[in-house]
């Protein structure tokens, strides 16, 4: 059970999801190129799969990038401020990302449930798959920003003995 928890906590699950989505983007694109060059045909289904996976990379990896601190940041403003101001910018950033992630998760789940019977035109691919990836990214980002806020707000003060 500890391995399963650490699989999600450490971001390994998101890393594997990202790898799978990248492969799902590459393979259909290559197959479509070969189809066009060799058989003079084009597959809308392969193109839809690649596009859906590509969009999924952006949304589903949101929480992972937040955990790794590789998301778009306001470092240029933060570095101009004194240490207290930098902490306030980080706190407001975490609050904003928590609110945005919760919003994204809510709408991802709502749209996935509302589009279970709709398919992408000319394919049998359900629209809900894309919305599920949005929900995954929103949930992941909300959980990671929530824990960042908790750890930031309840961080132990360093004593002078700890600093030496």
N, C-alpha and C. Protein backbone atom coordinates (compact mmCIF):
# COMPACT_ATOMS: atom_id res chain seq x y z
N UNK A 1 0.82 -1.20 0.00
CA UNK A 1 0.00 0.00 0.00
C UNK A 1 0.86 1.26 0.00
N UNK A 2 2.00 1.21 0.73
CA UNK A 2 2.89 2.36 0.77
C UNK A 2 3.47 2.66 -0.61
N UNK A 3 3.76 1.60 -1.37
CA UNK A 3 4.30 1.80 -2.72
C UNK A 3 3.27 2.46 -3.62
N UNK A 4 2.01 2.06 -3.47
CA UNK A 4 0.95 2.66 -4.27
C UNK A 4 0.77 4.14 -3.93
N UNK A 5 0.80 4.45 -2.65
CA UNK A 5 0.66 5.85 -2.22
C UNK A 5 1.83 6.68 -2.73
N UNK A 6 3.04 6.16 -2.61
CA UNK A 6 4.21 6.91 -3.08
C UNK A 6 4.22 7.02 -4.60
N UNK A 7 3.62 6.05 -5.30
CA UNK A 7 3.50 6.10 -6.76
C UNK A 7 2.76 7.35 -7.20
N UNK A 8 1.71 7.70 -6.47
CA UNK A 8 0.93 8.91 -6.80
C UNK A 8 1.52 10.15 -6.15
N UNK A 9 1.99 10.05 -4.91
CA UNK A 9 2.51 11.20 -4.19
C UNK A 9 3.77 11.76 -4.84
N UNK A 10 4.65 10.89 -5.31
CA UNK A 10 5.93 11.33 -5.86
C UNK A 10 5.83 11.79 -7.31
N UNK A 11 4.68 11.61 -7.93
CA UNK A 11 4.52 12.04 -9.32
C UNK A 11 4.84 10.97 -10.34
N UNK A 12 5.15 9.76 -9.88
CA UNK A 12 5.48 8.68 -10.82
C UNK A 12 4.29 8.34 -11.70
N UNK A 13 3.10 8.35 -11.15
CA UNK A 13 1.89 8.05 -11.94
C UNK A 13 1.73 9.08 -13.05
N UNK A 14 1.95 10.33 -12.73
CA UNK A 14 1.82 11.38 -13.73
C UNK A 14 2.92 11.28 -14.78
N UNK A 15 4.12 10.89 -14.37
CA UNK A 15 5.20 10.69 -15.34
C UNK A 15 4.83 9.60 -16.34
N UNK A 16 4.28 8.50 -15.85
CA UNK A 16 3.87 7.40 -16.74
C UNK A 16 2.72 7.82 -17.63
N UNK A 17 1.79 8.58 -17.10
CA UNK A 17 0.69 9.08 -17.92
C UNK A 17 1.24 9.97 -19.04
N UNK A 18 2.17 10.83 -18.71
CA UNK A 18 2.78 11.70 -19.71
C UNK A 18 3.51 10.91 -20.78
N UNK A 19 4.25 9.90 -20.37
CA UNK A 19 4.94 9.05 -21.35
C UNK A 19 3.95 8.36 -22.28
N UNK A 20 2.88 7.83 -21.70
CA UNK A 20 1.87 7.13 -22.51
C UNK A 20 1.21 8.10 -23.49
N UNK A 21 0.90 9.30 -23.04
CA UNK A 21 0.27 10.28 -23.92
C UNK A 21 1.20 10.70 -25.06
N UNK A 22 2.48 10.83 -24.77
CA UNK A 22 3.44 11.18 -25.82
C UNK A 22 3.51 10.07 -26.87
N UNK A 23 3.52 8.83 -26.43
CA UNK A 23 3.52 7.70 -27.36
C UNK A 23 2.22 7.70 -28.18
N UNK A 24 1.11 7.99 -27.51
CA UNK A 24 -0.19 8.02 -28.19
C UNK A 24 -0.26 9.17 -29.20
N UNK A 25 0.52 10.21 -29.01
CA UNK A 25 0.59 11.28 -30.00
C UNK A 25 1.45 10.84 -31.19
N UNK A 26 2.60 10.26 -30.91
CA UNK A 26 3.57 9.95 -31.96
C UNK A 26 3.09 8.84 -32.90
N UNK A 27 2.61 7.74 -32.36
CA UNK A 27 2.26 6.58 -33.19
C UNK A 27 1.17 6.91 -34.23
N UNK A 28 0.03 7.51 -33.86
CA UNK A 28 -0.97 7.82 -34.89
C UNK A 28 -0.48 8.80 -35.95
N UNK A 29 0.34 9.77 -35.54
CA UNK A 29 0.86 10.73 -36.52
C UNK A 29 1.75 10.02 -37.54
N UNK A 30 2.65 9.16 -37.05
CA UNK A 30 3.53 8.41 -37.95
C UNK A 30 2.71 7.50 -38.86
N UNK A 31 1.72 6.82 -38.30
CA UNK A 31 0.86 5.95 -39.12
C UNK A 31 0.10 6.75 -40.17
N UNK A 32 -0.36 7.92 -39.83
CA UNK A 32 -1.07 8.75 -40.79
C UNK A 32 -0.13 9.24 -41.90
N UNK A 33 1.09 9.57 -41.55
CA UNK A 33 2.07 9.98 -42.56
C UNK A 33 2.34 8.83 -43.52
N UNK A 34 2.54 7.64 -42.98
CA UNK A 34 2.75 6.46 -43.83
C UNK A 34 1.53 6.17 -44.70
N UNK A 35 0.33 6.31 -44.13
CA UNK A 35 -0.89 6.11 -44.90
C UNK A 35 -0.97 7.07 -46.08
N UNK A 36 -0.63 8.33 -45.84
CA UNK A 36 -0.70 9.32 -46.92
C UNK A 36 0.35 9.06 -48.00
N UNK A 37 1.57 8.73 -47.58
CA UNK A 37 2.67 8.56 -48.54
C UNK A 37 2.58 7.25 -49.31
N UNK A 38 2.18 6.18 -48.65
CA UNK A 38 2.18 4.86 -49.28
C UNK A 38 0.84 4.53 -49.91
N UNK A 39 -0.26 4.71 -49.15
CA UNK A 39 -1.58 4.28 -49.62
C UNK A 39 -2.45 5.43 -50.14
N UNK A 40 -1.94 6.65 -50.04
CA UNK A 40 -2.67 7.82 -50.50
C UNK A 40 -4.03 7.96 -49.79
N UNK A 41 -4.06 7.65 -48.50
CA UNK A 41 -5.27 7.74 -47.68
C UNK A 41 -4.96 8.56 -46.43
N UNK A 42 -6.02 9.03 -45.81
CA UNK A 42 -5.89 9.83 -44.59
C UNK A 42 -6.91 9.34 -43.58
N UNK A 43 -6.50 9.15 -42.34
CA UNK A 43 -7.40 8.65 -41.31
C UNK A 43 -7.76 9.76 -40.33
N UNK A 44 -9.03 10.12 -40.32
CA UNK A 44 -9.52 11.12 -39.37
C UNK A 44 -9.44 10.57 -37.95
N UNK A 45 -9.66 9.28 -37.78
CA UNK A 45 -9.61 8.67 -36.45
C UNK A 45 -8.21 8.78 -35.86
N UNK A 46 -7.17 8.47 -36.66
CA UNK A 46 -5.80 8.58 -36.16
C UNK A 46 -5.46 10.03 -35.80
N UNK A 47 -5.91 10.95 -36.64
CA UNK A 47 -5.66 12.36 -36.36
C UNK A 47 -6.37 12.80 -35.08
N UNK A 48 -7.58 12.32 -34.86
CA UNK A 48 -8.34 12.67 -33.65
C UNK A 48 -7.68 12.09 -32.40
N UNK A 49 -7.18 10.87 -32.50
CA UNK A 49 -6.49 10.24 -31.36
C UNK A 49 -5.25 11.06 -31.00
N UNK A 50 -4.46 11.43 -32.01
CA UNK A 50 -3.24 12.20 -31.75
C UNK A 50 -3.57 13.57 -31.16
N UNK A 51 -4.58 14.23 -31.68
CA UNK A 51 -4.96 15.53 -31.17
C UNK A 51 -5.47 15.46 -29.74
N UNK A 52 -6.28 14.45 -29.45
CA UNK A 52 -6.80 14.26 -28.11
C UNK A 52 -5.67 14.00 -27.11
N UNK A 53 -4.71 13.18 -27.49
CA UNK A 53 -3.56 12.90 -26.60
C UNK A 53 -2.69 14.15 -26.43
N UNK A 54 -2.53 14.91 -27.49
CA UNK A 54 -1.73 16.13 -27.42
C UNK A 54 -2.36 17.14 -26.46
N UNK A 55 -3.65 17.32 -26.57
CA UNK A 55 -4.36 18.21 -25.65
C UNK A 55 -4.28 17.65 -24.23
N UNK A 56 -4.38 16.33 -24.12
CA UNK A 56 -4.29 15.68 -22.81
C UNK A 56 -2.97 15.92 -22.12
N UNK A 57 -1.89 16.00 -22.88
CA UNK A 57 -0.57 16.27 -22.28
C UNK A 57 -0.61 17.61 -21.56
N UNK A 58 -1.18 18.60 -22.19
CA UNK A 58 -1.24 19.92 -21.58
C UNK A 58 -2.07 19.97 -20.32
N UNK A 59 -3.23 19.31 -20.34
CA UNK A 59 -4.11 19.37 -19.18
C UNK A 59 -3.74 18.35 -18.11
N UNK A 60 -3.49 17.12 -18.50
CA UNK A 60 -3.27 16.06 -17.51
C UNK A 60 -1.96 16.25 -16.76
N UNK A 61 -1.01 16.96 -17.32
CA UNK A 61 0.29 17.13 -16.66
C UNK A 61 0.36 18.40 -15.81
N UNK A 62 -0.75 19.09 -15.66
CA UNK A 62 -0.78 20.35 -14.92
C UNK A 62 -0.28 20.18 -13.48
N UNK A 63 -0.81 19.20 -12.76
CA UNK A 63 -0.41 18.98 -11.37
C UNK A 63 1.03 18.56 -11.24
N UNK A 64 1.50 17.76 -12.19
CA UNK A 64 2.90 17.30 -12.16
C UNK A 64 3.85 18.49 -12.33
N UNK A 65 3.54 19.36 -13.27
CA UNK A 65 4.39 20.53 -13.47
C UNK A 65 4.37 21.45 -12.26
N UNK A 66 3.23 21.53 -11.60
CA UNK A 66 3.14 22.33 -10.38
C UNK A 66 4.02 21.73 -9.29
N UNK A 67 3.99 20.40 -9.14
CA UNK A 67 4.80 19.74 -8.12
C UNK A 67 6.29 19.96 -8.39
N UNK A 68 6.68 19.87 -9.65
CA UNK A 68 8.09 20.04 -10.02
C UNK A 68 8.49 21.51 -10.06
N UNK A 69 7.52 22.41 -9.86
CA UNK A 69 7.74 23.86 -9.92
C UNK A 69 8.25 24.26 -11.31
N UNK A 70 7.72 23.59 -12.36
CA UNK A 70 8.09 23.89 -13.73
C UNK A 70 6.97 24.59 -14.50
N UNK A 71 6.00 25.10 -13.79
CA UNK A 71 4.89 25.78 -14.44
C UNK A 71 5.27 27.23 -14.71
N UNK A 72 4.43 27.91 -15.45
CA UNK A 72 4.66 29.33 -15.71
C UNK A 72 4.58 30.05 -14.37
N UNK A 73 5.54 30.85 -14.09
CA UNK A 73 5.64 31.47 -12.77
C UNK A 73 5.80 32.98 -12.91
N UNK A 74 5.81 33.64 -11.80
CA UNK A 74 6.00 35.08 -11.77
C UNK A 74 7.34 35.40 -11.10
N UNK A 75 8.36 34.65 -11.47
CA UNK A 75 9.68 34.83 -10.84
C UNK A 75 10.23 36.24 -11.02
N UNK A 76 10.00 36.81 -12.20
CA UNK A 76 10.54 38.15 -12.46
C UNK A 76 9.99 39.17 -11.48
N UNK A 77 8.74 39.05 -11.07
CA UNK A 77 8.15 39.96 -10.09
C UNK A 77 8.61 39.57 -8.70
N UNK A 78 8.62 38.28 -8.43
CA UNK A 78 8.96 37.79 -7.10
C UNK A 78 10.38 38.19 -6.71
N UNK A 79 11.31 38.12 -7.65
CA UNK A 79 12.70 38.44 -7.34
C UNK A 79 12.93 39.92 -7.06
N UNK A 80 12.02 40.76 -7.49
CA UNK A 80 12.13 42.20 -7.21
C UNK A 80 11.69 42.56 -5.80
N UNK A 81 11.01 41.62 -5.14
CA UNK A 81 10.43 41.91 -3.82
C UNK A 81 11.36 41.45 -2.69
N UNK A 82 11.16 42.00 -1.49
CA UNK A 82 11.89 41.52 -0.32
C UNK A 82 11.40 40.11 0.04
N UNK A 83 12.10 39.40 0.94
CA UNK A 83 11.71 38.02 1.28
C UNK A 83 10.26 37.85 1.70
N UNK A 84 9.72 38.79 2.49
CA UNK A 84 8.32 38.68 2.90
C UNK A 84 7.40 38.80 1.69
N UNK A 85 7.70 39.71 0.79
CA UNK A 85 6.90 39.87 -0.43
C UNK A 85 6.97 38.63 -1.31
N UNK A 86 8.14 38.00 -1.37
CA UNK A 86 8.27 36.76 -2.14
C UNK A 86 7.39 35.66 -1.58
N UNK A 87 7.35 35.58 -0.24
CA UNK A 87 6.49 34.57 0.39
C UNK A 87 5.02 34.85 0.12
N UNK A 88 4.64 36.12 0.10
CA UNK A 88 3.25 36.48 -0.18
C UNK A 88 2.88 36.14 -1.63
N UNK A 89 3.80 36.40 -2.56
CA UNK A 89 3.54 36.05 -3.97
C UNK A 89 3.35 34.55 -4.11
N UNK A 90 4.21 33.77 -3.44
CA UNK A 90 4.08 32.31 -3.49
C UNK A 90 2.75 31.84 -2.88
N UNK A 91 2.36 32.46 -1.78
CA UNK A 91 1.09 32.11 -1.13
C UNK A 91 -0.09 32.42 -2.05
N UNK A 92 -0.11 33.61 -2.65
CA UNK A 92 -1.19 33.96 -3.57
C UNK A 92 -1.18 33.08 -4.82
N UNK A 93 0.01 32.72 -5.28
CA UNK A 93 0.11 31.81 -6.42
C UNK A 93 -0.51 30.46 -6.08
N UNK A 94 -0.20 29.93 -4.90
CA UNK A 94 -0.76 28.64 -4.48
C UNK A 94 -2.28 28.71 -4.35
N UNK A 95 -2.78 29.82 -3.80
CA UNK A 95 -4.24 29.98 -3.67
C UNK A 95 -4.89 30.06 -5.04
N UNK A 96 -4.29 30.82 -5.94
CA UNK A 96 -4.84 30.94 -7.30
C UNK A 96 -4.83 29.59 -8.01
N UNK A 97 -3.74 28.84 -7.90
CA UNK A 97 -3.66 27.55 -8.58
C UNK A 97 -4.65 26.57 -7.97
N UNK A 98 -4.86 26.61 -6.66
CA UNK A 98 -5.86 25.76 -6.03
C UNK A 98 -7.25 26.08 -6.57
N UNK A 99 -7.60 27.36 -6.63
CA UNK A 99 -8.92 27.75 -7.13
C UNK A 99 -9.07 27.38 -8.61
N UNK A 100 -8.06 27.65 -9.41
CA UNK A 100 -8.12 27.32 -10.84
C UNK A 100 -8.21 25.82 -11.05
N UNK A 101 -7.44 25.05 -10.29
CA UNK A 101 -7.46 23.59 -10.42
C UNK A 101 -8.80 23.01 -10.03
N UNK A 102 -9.37 23.52 -8.95
CA UNK A 102 -10.69 23.04 -8.53
C UNK A 102 -11.74 23.36 -9.60
N UNK A 103 -11.67 24.55 -10.17
CA UNK A 103 -12.57 24.95 -11.25
C UNK A 103 -12.39 24.03 -12.45
N UNK A 104 -11.15 23.76 -12.81
CA UNK A 104 -10.84 22.90 -13.96
C UNK A 104 -11.33 21.47 -13.70
N UNK A 105 -11.14 20.96 -12.50
CA UNK A 105 -11.59 19.61 -12.17
C UNK A 105 -13.11 19.53 -12.22
N UNK A 106 -13.79 20.52 -11.67
CA UNK A 106 -15.25 20.54 -11.68
C UNK A 106 -15.80 20.49 -13.10
N UNK A 107 -15.31 21.37 -13.96
CA UNK A 107 -15.82 21.42 -15.33
C UNK A 107 -15.38 20.21 -16.14
N UNK A 108 -14.20 19.68 -15.88
CA UNK A 108 -13.77 18.47 -16.57
C UNK A 108 -14.69 17.30 -16.26
N UNK A 109 -15.03 17.13 -14.99
CA UNK A 109 -15.93 16.04 -14.58
C UNK A 109 -17.34 16.28 -15.14
N UNK A 110 -17.82 17.51 -15.02
CA UNK A 110 -19.17 17.82 -15.51
C UNK A 110 -19.28 17.58 -17.02
N UNK A 111 -18.31 18.05 -17.77
CA UNK A 111 -18.36 17.88 -19.22
C UNK A 111 -18.17 16.42 -19.62
N UNK A 112 -17.33 15.68 -18.89
CA UNK A 112 -17.15 14.26 -19.19
C UNK A 112 -18.46 13.51 -19.00
N UNK A 113 -19.16 13.79 -17.92
CA UNK A 113 -20.42 13.10 -17.65
C UNK A 113 -21.52 13.51 -18.65
N UNK A 114 -21.50 14.76 -19.09
CA UNK A 114 -22.53 15.23 -20.02
C UNK A 114 -22.29 14.79 -21.46
N UNK A 115 -21.09 14.33 -21.78
CA UNK A 115 -20.77 13.97 -23.16
C UNK A 115 -20.46 12.49 -23.34
N UNK A 116 -20.98 11.65 -22.48
CA UNK A 116 -20.72 10.22 -22.58
C UNK A 116 -21.30 9.61 -23.86
N UNK A 117 -22.35 10.19 -24.39
CA UNK A 117 -22.99 9.61 -25.58
C UNK A 117 -22.62 10.34 -26.88
N UNK A 118 -21.74 11.32 -26.81
CA UNK A 118 -21.32 12.06 -28.01
C UNK A 118 -19.97 11.57 -28.49
N UNK A 119 -19.82 11.49 -29.80
CA UNK A 119 -18.54 11.06 -30.37
C UNK A 119 -18.00 12.15 -31.29
N UNK A 120 -16.69 12.11 -31.48
CA UNK A 120 -16.04 13.03 -32.40
C UNK A 120 -16.55 12.71 -33.80
N UNK A 121 -16.93 13.71 -34.58
CA UNK A 121 -17.45 13.44 -35.93
C UNK A 121 -16.50 12.58 -36.76
N UNK A 122 -17.06 11.65 -37.49
CA UNK A 122 -16.36 10.73 -38.39
C UNK A 122 -15.52 9.69 -37.65
N UNK A 123 -15.67 9.59 -36.34
CA UNK A 123 -14.94 8.58 -35.56
C UNK A 123 -15.90 7.98 -34.53
N UNK A 124 -15.41 6.99 -33.82
CA UNK A 124 -16.17 6.43 -32.70
C UNK A 124 -15.54 6.80 -31.36
N UNK A 125 -14.75 7.86 -31.34
CA UNK A 125 -14.06 8.29 -30.13
C UNK A 125 -14.99 9.18 -29.32
N UNK A 126 -15.18 8.83 -28.07
CA UNK A 126 -16.07 9.57 -27.18
C UNK A 126 -15.42 10.90 -26.76
N UNK A 127 -16.20 11.97 -26.82
CA UNK A 127 -15.72 13.29 -26.37
C UNK A 127 -15.25 13.27 -24.92
N UNK A 128 -15.81 12.40 -24.12
CA UNK A 128 -15.52 12.39 -22.69
C UNK A 128 -14.06 12.13 -22.37
N UNK A 129 -13.34 11.44 -23.25
CA UNK A 129 -11.93 11.15 -22.95
C UNK A 129 -11.11 12.42 -22.75
N UNK A 130 -11.33 13.40 -23.57
CA UNK A 130 -10.61 14.67 -23.40
C UNK A 130 -10.97 15.37 -22.12
N UNK A 131 -12.25 15.33 -21.78
CA UNK A 131 -12.70 15.98 -20.54
C UNK A 131 -12.20 15.24 -19.30
N UNK A 132 -12.05 13.93 -19.40
CA UNK A 132 -11.49 13.16 -18.29
C UNK A 132 -10.04 13.59 -18.04
N UNK A 133 -9.29 13.83 -19.11
CA UNK A 133 -7.90 14.29 -18.95
C UNK A 133 -7.85 15.67 -18.32
N UNK A 134 -8.81 16.52 -18.63
CA UNK A 134 -8.89 17.84 -17.99
C UNK A 134 -9.16 17.66 -16.49
N UNK A 135 -10.07 16.76 -16.16
CA UNK A 135 -10.40 16.50 -14.75
C UNK A 135 -9.20 15.94 -14.01
N UNK A 136 -8.45 15.03 -14.64
CA UNK A 136 -7.25 14.46 -14.01
C UNK A 136 -6.25 15.55 -13.68
N UNK A 137 -6.00 16.44 -14.63
CA UNK A 137 -5.08 17.55 -14.37
C UNK A 137 -5.58 18.48 -13.29
N UNK A 138 -6.88 18.76 -13.28
CA UNK A 138 -7.46 19.62 -12.26
C UNK A 138 -7.38 19.02 -10.87
N UNK A 139 -7.69 17.74 -10.77
CA UNK A 139 -7.62 17.06 -9.47
C UNK A 139 -6.18 17.00 -8.98
N UNK A 140 -5.28 16.66 -9.89
CA UNK A 140 -3.87 16.58 -9.53
C UNK A 140 -3.34 17.95 -9.08
N UNK A 141 -3.66 18.99 -9.83
CA UNK A 141 -3.22 20.33 -9.46
C UNK A 141 -3.84 20.80 -8.15
N UNK A 142 -5.12 20.48 -7.94
CA UNK A 142 -5.79 20.89 -6.70
C UNK A 142 -5.17 20.20 -5.49
N UNK A 143 -4.91 18.90 -5.62
CA UNK A 143 -4.30 18.17 -4.50
C UNK A 143 -2.90 18.70 -4.20
N UNK A 144 -2.11 18.91 -5.23
CA UNK A 144 -0.73 19.38 -5.01
C UNK A 144 -0.70 20.81 -4.48
N UNK A 145 -1.57 21.68 -4.97
CA UNK A 145 -1.57 23.05 -4.45
C UNK A 145 -2.14 23.11 -3.04
N UNK A 146 -3.11 22.24 -2.73
CA UNK A 146 -3.64 22.17 -1.37
C UNK A 146 -2.54 21.79 -0.39
N UNK A 147 -1.77 20.76 -0.72
CA UNK A 147 -0.69 20.34 0.17
C UNK A 147 0.43 21.38 0.24
N UNK A 148 0.67 22.08 -0.85
CA UNK A 148 1.66 23.16 -0.81
C UNK A 148 1.20 24.27 0.13
N UNK A 149 -0.09 24.60 0.09
CA UNK A 149 -0.62 25.62 0.99
C UNK A 149 -0.54 25.18 2.44
N UNK A 150 -0.93 23.94 2.71
CA UNK A 150 -0.89 23.42 4.08
C UNK A 150 0.54 23.45 4.60
N UNK A 151 1.48 22.97 3.79
CA UNK A 151 2.87 22.95 4.26
C UNK A 151 3.43 24.36 4.40
N UNK A 152 2.99 25.29 3.54
CA UNK A 152 3.47 26.67 3.64
C UNK A 152 2.90 27.36 4.88
N UNK A 153 1.63 27.12 5.18
CA UNK A 153 0.98 27.79 6.31
C UNK A 153 1.37 27.19 7.65
N UNK A 154 1.67 25.90 7.67
CA UNK A 154 1.98 25.24 8.95
C UNK A 154 3.42 24.78 9.04
N UNK A 155 4.29 25.48 8.32
CA UNK A 155 5.72 25.18 8.34
C UNK A 155 6.29 25.55 9.70
N UNK A 156 7.15 24.69 10.21
CA UNK A 156 7.79 24.97 11.50
C UNK A 156 8.78 26.11 11.33
N UNK A 157 8.80 26.96 12.30
CA UNK A 157 9.77 28.05 12.31
C UNK A 157 11.15 27.48 12.59
N UNK A 158 12.16 27.96 11.87
CA UNK A 158 13.53 27.50 12.10
C UNK A 158 14.10 28.21 13.32
N UNK A 159 14.67 27.42 14.20
CA UNK A 159 15.31 28.03 15.35
C UNK A 159 16.74 28.40 14.97
N UNK A 160 17.38 29.20 15.81
CA UNK A 160 18.74 29.61 15.51
C UNK A 160 19.70 28.45 15.54
N UNK A 161 19.38 27.39 16.34
CA UNK A 161 20.23 26.21 16.41
C UNK A 161 20.17 25.44 15.10
N UNK A 162 18.98 25.40 14.45
CA UNK A 162 18.82 24.67 13.19
C UNK A 162 19.57 25.34 12.04
N UNK A 163 19.72 26.67 12.11
CA UNK A 163 20.36 27.40 11.03
C UNK A 163 21.86 27.23 11.02
N UNK A 164 22.46 26.88 12.16
CA UNK A 164 23.92 26.74 12.22
C UNK A 164 24.37 25.35 11.86
